[in-house]
C-alpha atoms as a PDB file:
ATOM      1  CA  MET A   1     105.597  90.053  88.523  1.00  0.00           C
ATOM      2  CA  SER A   2     103.766  93.230  87.510  1.00  0.00           C
ATOM      3  CA  THR A   3     102.480  95.622  90.156  1.00  0.00           C
ATOM      4  CA  PRO A   4      98.743  96.391  90.176  1.00  0.00           C
ATOM      5  CA  GLU A   5      97.735  99.497  88.267  1.00  0.00           C
ATOM      6  CA  ARG A   6      97.173 102.536  90.460  1.00  0.00           C
ATOM      7  CA  ARG A   7      94.006 104.115  89.154  1.00  0.00           C
ATOM      8  CA  PRO A   8      93.534 107.890  89.571  1.00  0.00           C
ATOM      9  CA  VAL A   9      90.026 107.403  91.045  1.00  0.00           C
ATOM     10  CA  GLU A  10      89.101 104.247  92.903  1.00  0.00           C
ATOM     11  CA  VAL A  11      86.122 103.323  95.092  1.00  0.00           C
ATOM     12  CA  VAL A  12      86.939 100.926  97.939  1.00  0.00           C
ATOM     13  CA  LYS A  13      85.243  99.496 101.012  1.00  0.00           C
ATOM     14  CA  ALA A  14      86.713 101.069 104.136  1.00  0.00           C
ATOM     15  CA  ILE A  15      86.044 101.145 107.888  1.00  0.00           C
ATOM     16  CA  ASN A  16      82.769  99.472 108.918  1.00  0.00           C
ATOM     17  CA  GLY A  17      81.991  98.773 105.249  1.00  0.00           C
ATOM     18  CA  LEU A  18      81.613 102.456 104.375  1.00  0.00           C
ATOM     19  CA  GLU A  19      82.565 103.358 100.811  1.00  0.00           C
ATOM     20  CA  LYS A  20      85.593 105.550 100.263  1.00  0.00           C
ATOM     21  CA  VAL A  21      86.915 107.204  97.098  1.00  0.00           C
ATOM     22  CA  VAL A  22      90.691 107.416  96.683  1.00  0.00           C
ATOM     23  CA  LEU A  23      92.105 110.107  94.349  1.00  0.00           C
ATOM     24  CA  ARG A  24      95.732 109.792  93.223  1.00  0.00           C
ATOM     25  CA  GLU A  25      97.642 112.505  91.387  1.00  0.00           C
ATOM     26  CA  ILE A  26     100.428 111.463  88.988  1.00  0.00           C
ATOM     27  CA  HIS A  27     103.201 112.896  91.187  1.00  0.00           C
ATOM     28  CA  GLY A  28     102.179 110.768  94.185  1.00  0.00           C
ATOM     29  CA  SER A  29      99.818 112.914  96.260  1.00  0.00           C
ATOM     30  CA  SER A  30      96.457 111.454  97.286  1.00  0.00           C
ATOM     31  CA  VAL A  31      93.099 112.252  98.858  1.00  0.00           C
ATOM     32  CA  GLU A  32      90.554 109.933 100.481  1.00  0.00           C
ATOM     33  CA  VAL A  33      86.869 110.866 100.629  1.00  0.00           C
ATOM     34  CA  TYR A  34      84.097 108.943 102.386  1.00  0.00           C
ATOM     35  CA  LEU A  35      80.730 109.048 100.627  1.00  0.00           C
ATOM     36  CA  TYR A  36      79.341 109.267 104.152  1.00  0.00           C
ATOM     37  CA  GLY A  37      79.380 113.032 104.670  1.00  0.00           C
ATOM     38  CA  ALA A  38      81.402 113.680 101.472  1.00  0.00           C
ATOM     39  CA  HIS A  39      84.081 113.700 104.134  1.00  0.00           C
ATOM     40  CA  VAL A  40      87.759 114.113 103.208  1.00  0.00           C
ATOM     41  CA  THR A  41      89.683 111.983 105.716  1.00  0.00           C
ATOM     42  CA  SER A  42      93.172 111.999 104.182  1.00  0.00           C
ATOM     43  CA  TRP A  43      95.288 114.408 102.168  1.00  0.00           C
ATOM     44  CA  LYS A  44      98.865 113.317 101.517  1.00  0.00           C
ATOM     45  CA  ASN A  45     101.581 115.166  99.632  1.00  0.00           C
ATOM     46  CA  GLU A  46     103.842 113.590  97.006  1.00  0.00           C
ATOM     47  CA  HIS A  47     106.125 112.306  99.813  1.00  0.00           C
ATOM     48  CA  GLY A  48     103.247 110.426 101.435  1.00  0.00           C
ATOM     49  CA  GLU A  49     103.077 112.765 104.447  1.00  0.00           C
ATOM     50  CA  GLU A  50      99.602 113.098 105.972  1.00  0.00           C
ATOM     51  CA  LEU A  51      98.466 116.729 106.094  1.00  0.00           C
ATOM     52  CA  LEU A  52      95.093 116.325 107.815  1.00  0.00           C
ATOM     53  CA  PHE A  53      94.342 115.227 111.371  1.00  0.00           C
ATOM     54  CA  VAL A  54      91.845 112.447 112.071  1.00  0.00           C
ATOM     55  CA  SER A  55      91.429 111.333 115.670  1.00  0.00           C
ATOM     56  CA  SER A  56      92.576 107.833 116.565  1.00  0.00           C
ATOM     57  CA  LYS A  57      89.218 107.563 118.378  1.00  0.00           C
ATOM     58  CA  ALA A  58      87.095 108.749 115.436  1.00  0.00           C
ATOM     59  CA  ILE A  59      83.853 106.764 115.148  1.00  0.00           C
ATOM     60  CA  PHE A  60      83.185 105.640 111.568  1.00  0.00           C
ATOM     61  CA  ASN A  61      79.658 104.576 112.357  1.00  0.00           C
ATOM     62  CA  PRO A  62      76.600 106.529 111.138  1.00  0.00           C
ATOM     63  CA  PRO A  63      74.931 108.669 112.345  1.00  0.00           C
ATOM     64  CA  LYS A  64      78.010 109.793 114.303  1.00  0.00           C
ATOM     65  CA  PRO A  65      80.090 112.288 112.257  1.00  0.00           C
ATOM     66  CA  ILE A  66      83.762 111.510 111.652  1.00  0.00           C
ATOM     67  CA  ARG A  67      86.134 113.393 113.967  1.00  0.00           C
ATOM     68  CA  GLY A  68      88.797 115.088 111.867  1.00  0.00           C
ATOM     69  CA  GLY A  69      89.590 115.577 108.202  1.00  0.00           C
ATOM     70  CA  ILE A  70      87.238 118.070 106.507  1.00  0.00           C
ATOM     71  CA  PRO A  71      83.642 117.822 107.748  1.00  0.00           C
ATOM     72  CA  ILE A  72      81.152 119.981 105.826  1.00  0.00           C
ATOM     73  CA  CYS A  73      78.965 122.177 108.033  1.00  0.00           C
ATOM     74  CA  PHE A  74      75.652 122.761 106.208  1.00  0.00           C
ATOM     75  CA  PRO A  75      72.968 124.100 106.474  1.00  0.00           C
ATOM     76  CA  GLN A  76      74.029 125.284 109.911  1.00  0.00           C
ATOM     77  CA  PHE A  77      77.389 126.076 111.455  1.00  0.00           C
ATOM     78  CA  SER A  78      77.857 125.108 115.115  1.00  0.00           C
ATOM     79  CA  ASN A  79      74.728 125.279 117.279  1.00  0.00           C
ATOM     80  CA  LEU A  80      73.753 128.722 115.950  1.00  0.00           C
ATOM     81  CA  GLY A  81      70.270 127.626 114.864  1.00  0.00           C
ATOM     82  CA  PRO A  82      67.566 124.987 115.353  1.00  0.00           C
ATOM     83  CA  LEU A  83      69.388 122.011 113.795  1.00  0.00           C
ATOM     84  CA  GLU A  84      71.863 119.528 115.211  1.00  0.00           C
ATOM     85  CA  LEU A  85      75.438 120.703 115.713  1.00  0.00           C
ATOM     86  CA  HIS A  86      76.958 121.743 112.347  1.00  0.00           C
ATOM     87  CA  GLY A  87      73.850 120.695 110.403  1.00  0.00           C
ATOM     88  CA  PHE A  88      73.235 117.370 108.691  1.00  0.00           C
ATOM     89  CA  ALA A  89      75.370 117.289 105.505  1.00  0.00           C
ATOM     90  CA  ARG A  90      78.295 115.684 107.375  1.00  0.00           C
ATOM     91  CA  ASN A  91      76.273 112.643 108.431  1.00  0.00           C
ATOM     92  CA  ARG A  92      74.325 111.893 105.268  1.00  0.00           C
ATOM     93  CA  LEU A  93      75.232 109.490 102.477  1.00  0.00           C
ATOM     94  CA  TRP A  94      76.214 111.402  99.333  1.00  0.00           C
ATOM     95  CA  THR A  95      76.115 109.951  95.815  1.00  0.00           C
ATOM     96  CA  PHE A  96      78.125 110.462  92.645  1.00  0.00           C
ATOM     97  CA  ASP A  97      76.876 113.380  90.565  1.00  0.00           C
ATOM     98  CA  ASP A  98      75.733 112.065  87.172  1.00  0.00           C
ATOM     99  CA  ASP A  99      75.285 115.583  85.769  1.00  0.00           C
ATOM    100  CA  PRO A 100      78.336 117.500  86.999  1.00  0.00           C
ATOM    101  CA  PRO A 101      79.228 121.103  86.125  1.00  0.00           C
ATOM    102  CA  PRO A 102      81.424 121.515  83.027  1.00  0.00           C
ATOM    103  CA  LEU A 103      85.148 121.061  83.421  1.00  0.00           C
ATOM    104  CA  PRO A 104      87.313 124.176  83.700  1.00  0.00           C
ATOM    105  CA  PRO A 105      89.857 124.648  80.886  1.00  0.00           C
ATOM    106  CA  ASP A 106      92.858 124.122  83.241  1.00  0.00           C
ATOM    107  CA  ILE A 107      91.867 120.596  84.292  1.00  0.00           C
ATOM    108  CA  THR A 108      95.164 119.102  82.963  1.00  0.00           C
ATOM    109  CA  ASN A 109      96.984 116.912  85.511  1.00  0.00           C
ATOM    110  CA  LYS A 110      94.130 117.196  87.987  1.00  0.00           C
ATOM    111  CA  VAL A 111      92.026 114.366  89.336  1.00  0.00           C
ATOM    112  CA  PHE A 112      88.581 115.037  90.758  1.00  0.00           C
ATOM    113  CA  ILE A 113      85.197 113.645  91.770  1.00  0.00           C
ATOM    114  CA  ASP A 114      81.745 115.216  91.791  1.00  0.00           C
ATOM    115  CA  LEU A 115      79.333 114.339  94.589  1.00  0.00           C
ATOM    116  CA  ILE A 116      75.751 115.424  95.211  1.00  0.00           C
ATOM    117  CA  LEU A 117      73.395 115.664  98.168  1.00  0.00           C
ATOM    118  CA  ARG A 118      69.625 116.145  97.962  1.00  0.00           C
ATOM    119  CA  PRO A 119      67.332 116.188 101.010  1.00  0.00           C
ATOM    120  CA  THR A 120      65.446 113.080 102.071  1.00  0.00           C
ATOM    121  CA  LYS A 121      61.884 113.185 103.412  1.00  0.00           C
ATOM    122  CA  GLU A 122      63.356 113.070 106.909  1.00  0.00           C
ATOM    123  CA  ASP A 123      65.657 115.999 106.112  1.00  0.00           C
ATOM    124  CA  LEU A 124      62.717 118.030 104.842  1.00  0.00           C
ATOM    125  CA  LYS A 125      60.938 117.491 108.168  1.00  0.00           C
ATOM    126  CA  LEU A 126      64.004 118.885 109.979  1.00  0.00           C
ATOM    127  CA  TRP A 127      64.683 121.680 107.483  1.00  0.00           C
ATOM    128  CA  PRO A 128      61.781 122.178 105.042  1.00  0.00           C
ATOM    129  CA  HIS A 129      63.738 123.442 102.044  1.00  0.00           C
ATOM    130  CA  SER A 130      64.507 121.707  98.757  1.00  0.00           C
ATOM    131  CA  PHE A 131      68.118 122.014  97.597  1.00  0.00           C
ATOM    132  CA  GLU A 132      70.826 120.462  95.464  1.00  0.00           C
ATOM    133  CA  TYR A 133      74.327 120.501  96.898  1.00  0.00           C
ATOM    134  CA  ARG A 134      77.023 119.680  94.338  1.00  0.00           C
ATOM    135  CA  LEU A 135      80.566 119.233  95.611  1.00  0.00           C
ATOM    136  CA  ARG A 136      83.673 118.935  93.443  1.00  0.00           C
ATOM    137  CA  ILE A 137      86.837 117.674  95.156  1.00  0.00           C
ATOM    138  CA  THR A 138      89.954 118.272  93.047  1.00  0.00           C
ATOM    139  CA  LEU A 139      93.538 117.178  93.644  1.00  0.00           C
ATOM    140  CA  GLY A 140      96.015 119.096  91.524  1.00  0.00           C
ATOM    141  CA  PRO A 141      99.766 119.373  90.883  1.00  0.00           C
ATOM    142  CA  GLY A 142     101.776 120.329  93.935  1.00  0.00           C
ATOM    143  CA  SER A 143      99.286 118.399  96.101  1.00  0.00           C
ATOM    144  CA  ASP A 144      96.813 121.304  96.034  1.00  0.00           C
ATOM    145  CA  LEU A 145      93.368 120.269  97.294  1.00  0.00           C
ATOM    146  CA  MET A 146      90.292 122.230  96.213  1.00  0.00           C
ATOM    147  CA  LEU A 147      86.722 121.844  97.434  1.00  0.00           C
ATOM    148  CA  THR A 148      84.080 123.690  95.405  1.00  0.00           C
ATOM    149  CA  SER A 149      80.501 123.736  96.695  1.00  0.00           C
ATOM    150  CA  ARG A 150      77.476 124.752  94.630  1.00  0.00           C
ATOM    151  CA  ILE A 151      74.203 124.956  96.539  1.00  0.00           C
ATOM    152  CA  ARG A 152      70.982 125.650  94.633  1.00  0.00           C
ATOM    153  CA  ASN A 153      67.495 126.416  95.901  1.00  0.00           C
ATOM    154  CA  THR A 154      65.214 123.934  94.101  1.00  0.00           C
ATOM    155  CA  CYS A 155      62.052 124.781  96.051  1.00  0.00           C
ATOM    156  CA  PRO A 156      59.111 124.962  93.604  1.00  0.00           C
ATOM    157  CA  GLU A 157      56.828 126.987  95.898  1.00  0.00           C
ATOM    158  CA  GLY A 158      58.877 130.167  95.632  1.00  0.00           C
ATOM    159  CA  LYS A 159      60.312 130.057  99.170  1.00  0.00           C
ATOM    160  CA  PRO A 160      63.809 131.429  99.849  1.00  0.00           C
ATOM    161  CA  PHE A 161      66.034 129.746 102.427  1.00  0.00           C
ATOM    162  CA  THR A 162      68.975 130.829 104.534  1.00  0.00           C
ATOM    163  CA  PHE A 163      72.003 128.855 105.701  1.00  0.00           C
ATOM    164  CA  THR A 164      75.419 129.119 107.270  1.00  0.00           C
ATOM    165  CA  PHE A 165      78.412 127.075 106.172  1.00  0.00           C
ATOM    166  CA  ALA A 166      81.982 126.000 106.935  1.00  0.00           C
ATOM    167  CA  TYR A 167      84.674 123.644 105.657  1.00  0.00           C
ATOM    168  CA  HIS A 168      85.685 122.394 109.129  1.00  0.00           C
ATOM    169  CA  THR A 169      89.319 121.610 108.193  1.00  0.00           C
ATOM    170  CA  TYR A 170      91.529 119.836 110.756  1.00  0.00           C
ATOM    171  CA  PHE A 171      95.213 120.401 109.921  1.00  0.00           C
ATOM    172  CA  SER A 172      97.840 118.003 111.225  1.00  0.00           C
ATOM    173  CA  VAL A 173     100.581 119.878 113.121  1.00  0.00           C
ATOM    174  CA  SER A 174     103.659 118.835 115.088  1.00  0.00           C
ATOM    175  CA  ASP A 175     102.790 120.723 118.299  1.00  0.00           C
ATOM    176  CA  ILE A 176     100.058 123.348 118.735  1.00  0.00           C
ATOM    177  CA  SER A 177     102.460 125.472 120.819  1.00  0.00           C
ATOM    178  CA  GLU A 178     104.670 125.784 117.706  1.00  0.00           C
ATOM    179  CA  VAL A 179     101.837 126.943 115.415  1.00  0.00           C
ATOM    180  CA  ARG A 180     100.826 130.441 114.390  1.00  0.00           C
ATOM    181  CA  VAL A 181      98.110 131.709 112.084  1.00  0.00           C
ATOM    182  CA  GLU A 182      98.719 134.778 109.916  1.00  0.00           C
ATOM    183  CA  GLY A 183      96.241 136.881 107.964  1.00  0.00           C
ATOM    184  CA  LEU A 184      93.810 137.632 110.827  1.00  0.00           C
ATOM    185  CA  GLU A 185      95.615 140.625 112.361  1.00  0.00           C
ATOM    186  CA  THR A 186      93.436 143.623 113.398  1.00  0.00           C
ATOM    187  CA  LEU A 187      90.217 141.755 112.499  1.00  0.00           C
ATOM    188  CA  ASP A 188      87.091 141.521 114.634  1.00  0.00           C
ATOM    189  CA  TYR A 189      86.088 138.089 115.928  1.00  0.00           C
ATOM    190  CA  LEU A 190      83.291 136.462 117.895  1.00  0.00           C
ATOM    191  CA  ASP A 191      84.650 134.462 120.835  1.00  0.00           C
ATOM    192  CA  ASN A 192      82.677 131.306 121.577  1.00  0.00           C
ATOM    193  CA  CYS A 193      84.688 130.869 124.784  1.00  0.00           C
ATOM    194  CA  GLN A 194      83.140 134.137 125.999  1.00  0.00           C
ATOM    195  CA  LYS A 195      79.489 133.773 124.945  1.00  0.00           C
ATOM    196  CA  MET A 196      80.143 135.065 121.408  1.00  0.00           C
ATOM    197  CA  ALA A 197      81.378 138.445 122.627  1.00  0.00           C
ATOM    198  CA  ARG A 198      83.020 140.556 119.928  1.00  0.00           C
ATOM    199  CA  PHE A 199      86.711 141.471 120.137  1.00  0.00           C
ATOM    200  CA  THR A 200      89.440 142.805 117.868  1.00  0.00           C
ATOM    201  CA  GLU A 201      92.578 140.733 117.254  1.00  0.00           C
ATOM    202  CA  GLN A 202      95.498 142.570 118.844  1.00  0.00           C
ATOM    203  CA  GLY A 203      98.411 140.265 118.010  1.00  0.00           C
ATOM    204  CA  ASP A 204     100.641 140.277 114.934  1.00  0.00           C
ATOM    205  CA  SER A 205      99.633 136.618 114.529  1.00  0.00           C
ATOM    206  CA  LEU A 206      97.471 134.119 116.391  1.00  0.00           C
ATOM    207  CA  THR A 207      99.250 131.633 118.674  1.00  0.00           C
ATOM    208  CA  PHE A 208      97.857 129.005 121.051  1.00  0.00           C
ATOM    209  CA  GLU A 209      98.238 128.757 124.828  1.00  0.00           C
ATOM    210  CA  SER A 210      94.694 127.696 125.779  1.00  0.00           C
ATOM    211  CA  GLU A 211      91.350 126.836 124.182  1.00  0.00           C
ATOM    212  CA  VAL A 212      90.562 128.901 121.074  1.00  0.00           C
ATOM    213  CA  ASP A 213      87.086 128.975 119.480  1.00  0.00           C
ATOM    214  CA  ARG A 214      86.670 132.091 117.352  1.00  0.00           C
ATOM    215  CA  ILE A 215      84.834 133.287 114.264  1.00  0.00           C
ATOM    216  CA  TYR A 216      86.938 135.924 112.500  1.00  0.00           C
ATOM    217  CA  LEU A 217      84.858 138.295 110.374  1.00  0.00           C
ATOM    218  CA  SER A 218      85.458 139.758 106.905  1.00  0.00           C
ATOM    219  CA  THR A 219      88.728 137.885 106.495  1.00  0.00           C
ATOM    220  CA  PRO A 220      91.160 138.054 103.559  1.00  0.00           C
ATOM    221  CA  THR A 221      91.006 135.502 100.766  1.00  0.00           C
ATOM    222  CA  LYS A 222      94.328 133.978 101.889  1.00  0.00           C
ATOM    223  CA  ILE A 223      95.283 132.753 105.394  1.00  0.00           C
ATOM    224  CA  ALA A 224      98.521 131.013 106.419  1.00  0.00           C
ATOM    225  CA  VAL A 225      98.964 128.355 109.115  1.00  0.00           C
ATOM    226  CA  MET A 226     102.633 127.962 110.055  1.00  0.00           C
ATOM    227  CA  ASP A 227     104.048 124.907 111.790  1.00  0.00           C
ATOM    228  CA  HIS A 228     107.470 125.991 113.005  1.00  0.00           C
ATOM    229  CA  GLU A 229     108.659 122.560 114.127  1.00  0.00           C
ATOM    230  CA  LYS A 230     107.901 120.953 110.750  1.00  0.00           C
ATOM    231  CA  LYS A 231     108.861 124.139 108.874  1.00  0.00           C
ATOM    232  CA  ARG A 232     105.624 123.782 106.931  1.00  0.00           C
ATOM    233  CA  THR A 233     103.057 126.365 105.853  1.00  0.00           C
ATOM    234  CA  PHE A 234      99.461 125.582 104.990  1.00  0.00           C
ATOM    235  CA  LEU A 235      97.877 128.188 102.735  1.00  0.00           C
ATOM    236  CA  ILE A 236      94.089 128.526 102.680  1.00  0.00           C
ATOM    237  CA  ARG A 237      92.659 130.383  99.699  1.00  0.00           C
ATOM    238  CA  LYS A 238      88.921 130.934  99.722  1.00  0.00           C
ATOM    239  CA  ASP A 239      86.163 132.409  97.613  1.00  0.00           C
ATOM    240  CA  GLY A 240      82.565 133.143  98.641  1.00  0.00           C
ATOM    241  CA  LEU A 241      83.422 132.485 102.290  1.00  0.00           C
ATOM    242  CA  PRO A 242      84.019 135.783 104.130  1.00  0.00           C
ATOM    243  CA  ASP A 243      84.637 134.400 107.617  1.00  0.00           C
ATOM    244  CA  ALA A 244      87.267 132.116 109.156  1.00  0.00           C
ATOM    245  CA  VAL A 245      86.821 129.879 112.183  1.00  0.00           C
ATOM    246  CA  VAL A 246      89.813 128.945 114.348  1.00  0.00           C
ATOM    247  CA  TRP A 247      89.441 126.141 116.900  1.00  0.00           C
ATOM    248  CA  ASN A 248      91.530 124.082 119.263  1.00  0.00           C
ATOM    249  CA  PRO A 249      89.726 122.422 122.199  1.00  0.00           C
ATOM    250  CA  TRP A 250      92.777 122.264 124.517  1.00  0.00           C
ATOM    251  CA  ASP A 251      93.026 119.742 127.348  1.00  0.00           C
ATOM    252  CA  LYS A 252      89.722 119.895 129.256  1.00  0.00           C
ATOM    253  CA  LYS A 253      87.470 119.842 126.185  1.00  0.00           C
ATOM    254  CA  ALA A 254      89.624 117.121 124.589  1.00  0.00           C
ATOM    255  CA  LYS A 255      89.130 114.858 127.616  1.00  0.00           C
ATOM    256  CA  ALA A 256      85.375 115.444 127.489  1.00  0.00           C
ATOM    257  CA  MET A 257      85.017 114.195 123.890  1.00  0.00           C
ATOM    258  CA  VAL A 258      84.571 110.440 123.506  1.00  0.00           C
ATOM    259  CA  ASP A 259      85.830 110.477 119.909  1.00  0.00           C
ATOM    260  CA  PHE A 260      88.981 112.491 120.597  1.00  0.00           C
ATOM    261  CA  GLY A 261      92.191 111.432 122.372  1.00  0.00           C
ATOM    262  CA  ASP A 262      93.099 113.246 125.593  1.00  0.00           C
ATOM    263  CA  ASP A 263      96.354 114.655 124.194  1.00  0.00           C
ATOM    264  CA  GLU A 264      95.414 114.884 120.517  1.00  0.00           C
ATOM    265  CA  TYR A 265      94.675 118.613 120.759  1.00  0.00           C
ATOM    266  CA  LYS A 266      98.456 119.100 120.617  1.00  0.00           C
ATOM    267  CA  ARG A 267      98.598 117.700 117.058  1.00  0.00           C
ATOM    268  CA  MET A 268      95.752 119.569 115.351  1.00  0.00           C
ATOM    269  CA  VAL A 269      94.325 122.963 114.601  1.00  0.00           C
ATOM    270  CA  CYS A 270      91.116 123.814 112.782  1.00  0.00           C
ATOM    271  CA  VAL A 271      91.202 126.830 110.474  1.00  0.00           C
ATOM    272  CA  GLU A 272      87.984 126.915 108.500  1.00  0.00           C
ATOM    273  CA  ALA A 273      86.729 128.899 105.521  1.00  0.00           C
ATOM    274  CA  ALA A 274      83.191 129.847 106.539  1.00  0.00           C
ATOM    275  CA  ALA A 275      80.106 132.006 106.058  1.00  0.00           C
ATOM    276  CA  VAL A 276      78.613 132.510 109.516  1.00  0.00           C
ATOM    277  CA  GLU A 277      78.072 136.123 110.556  1.00  0.00           C
ATOM    278  CA  LYS A 278      75.881 137.005 107.559  1.00  0.00           C
ATOM    279  CA  PRO A 279      73.856 133.917 106.554  1.00  0.00           C
ATOM    280  CA  ILE A 280      73.453 133.229 102.841  1.00  0.00           C
ATOM    281  CA  THR A 281      69.934 133.551 101.420  1.00  0.00           C
ATOM    282  CA  LEU A 282      68.939 131.885  98.153  1.00  0.00           C
ATOM    283  CA  LYS A 283      65.753 132.558  96.259  1.00  0.00           C
ATOM    284  CA  PRO A 284      64.268 129.705  94.175  1.00  0.00           C
ATOM    285  CA  GLY A 285      66.592 128.895  91.289  1.00  0.00           C
ATOM    286  CA  GLU A 286      69.521 130.825  92.778  1.00  0.00           C
ATOM    287  CA  GLU A 287      72.876 129.157  93.363  1.00  0.00           C
ATOM    288  CA  TRP A 288      75.669 129.928  95.819  1.00  0.00           C
ATOM    289  CA  ARG A 289      79.277 128.918  95.230  1.00  0.00           C
ATOM    290  CA  GLY A 290      81.949 128.611  97.906  1.00  0.00           C
ATOM    291  CA  ARG A 291      85.473 127.388  97.300  1.00  0.00           C
ATOM    292  CA  GLN A 292      88.414 126.450  99.484  1.00  0.00           C
ATOM    293  CA  GLN A 293      91.876 125.643  98.096  1.00  0.00           C
ATOM    294  CA  LEU A 294      94.514 124.154 100.391  1.00  0.00           C
ATOM    295  CA  SER A 295      98.248 124.115  99.688  1.00  0.00           C
ATOM    296  CA  ALA A 296     101.100 122.825 101.828  1.00  0.00           C
ATOM    297  CA  VAL A 297     104.643 124.133 101.399  1.00  0.00           C
ATOM    298  CA  ASN A 298     107.609 122.696 103.261  1.00  0.00           C
ATOM    299  CA  LYS A 299     108.936 126.076 104.339  1.00  0.00           C
ATOM    300  CA  LEU A 300     107.633 128.982 106.400  1.00  0.00           C
ATOM    301  CA  LEU A 301     105.748 131.597 104.411  1.00  0.00           C
ATOM    302  CA  ASP A 302     103.692 134.632 105.363  1.00  0.00           C
ATOM    303  CA  ALA A 303     100.084 135.122 104.299  1.00  0.00           C
END
C-alpha cells in the first residue's frame, strides 16, 4: 500500500475550522502557518522536534490572538499607542498573495508562501491609513525559518503614516532558569517592569530569575538564545529591525492570563526582532522591509 504524497505546501482545516498552511522541506523540517494572523504556530527541525512554544490554553477563536508561535505586531507594538495591544495584524484574516515579489536566485531547496494583508473599512476607521503588507515565510535547508515583511504606503491622498513593529517569537525551551541570551551586553534598554525607565545592561549575558519585559535598543543583527539543558542555540538574524524585545511573564503574570498555563512560563522565552524606539514613517509609495531569520543548532554557540 503506497503512502500518501507529502506535498511541500498544503492548506488544511485546523482548530475551530481555521485554515492552516503546512510547509515541508525535503529533509523533514516543517512550518505551520494560520491564515488567521499570518501566524506561525509550529516550526519543527528535521528530527521532528518542536522549536516554538504555543500555550496549551491558546484560544484559536477570532478575534482572540493565538498565544505563542510568532504573532506579528503591526501597526503598533505593545500598548504604546492608540490601538489595541500589539495592533491588529495578528487577529485579521490574511490571504494568499497573487502578485508576490520576484524569487531570489538562491531559492533552491526552499519552500515558501506569500501572504498579504490590506485594511478593511473597519481597520481604516481604527487606523486611517491605506497599506499593503506582504509577508513571505520561507523554510530552508537546515530548518532555517525566514519571515520577510514588506509594508507599503498605498494612501492616494499623499499622507505619510508611522508604525512600530515586532515579530513576537516564542521559543520553546527546557527550563527558563537554564536559558541565557547573548548579544545584548552593554546595550541600553527600556524596562516595562519599571514604567519604561532606561537602563544599561550590565551582565555578560541575560539570564532569568524573575519577570523580564525589556526593549533593547540599537541591537546587533545577530542574537543568540542558549538553552543549556537541551544544549541548543537559537540564532536570530535580523535586518531592518534595530531593536530586540525580551519577555518572560514569570509566575504571577502567567497565572493572570486566561490563555496561558500557570507554569508554562518555565518552558518559553520571547526574543523578538523589533522596531519600537524610533517608529518607521512611510510616505505614499514608500516601502519598508524587515526580515527575521531563525536557526536552531543542537549545540551551544555564542552570538
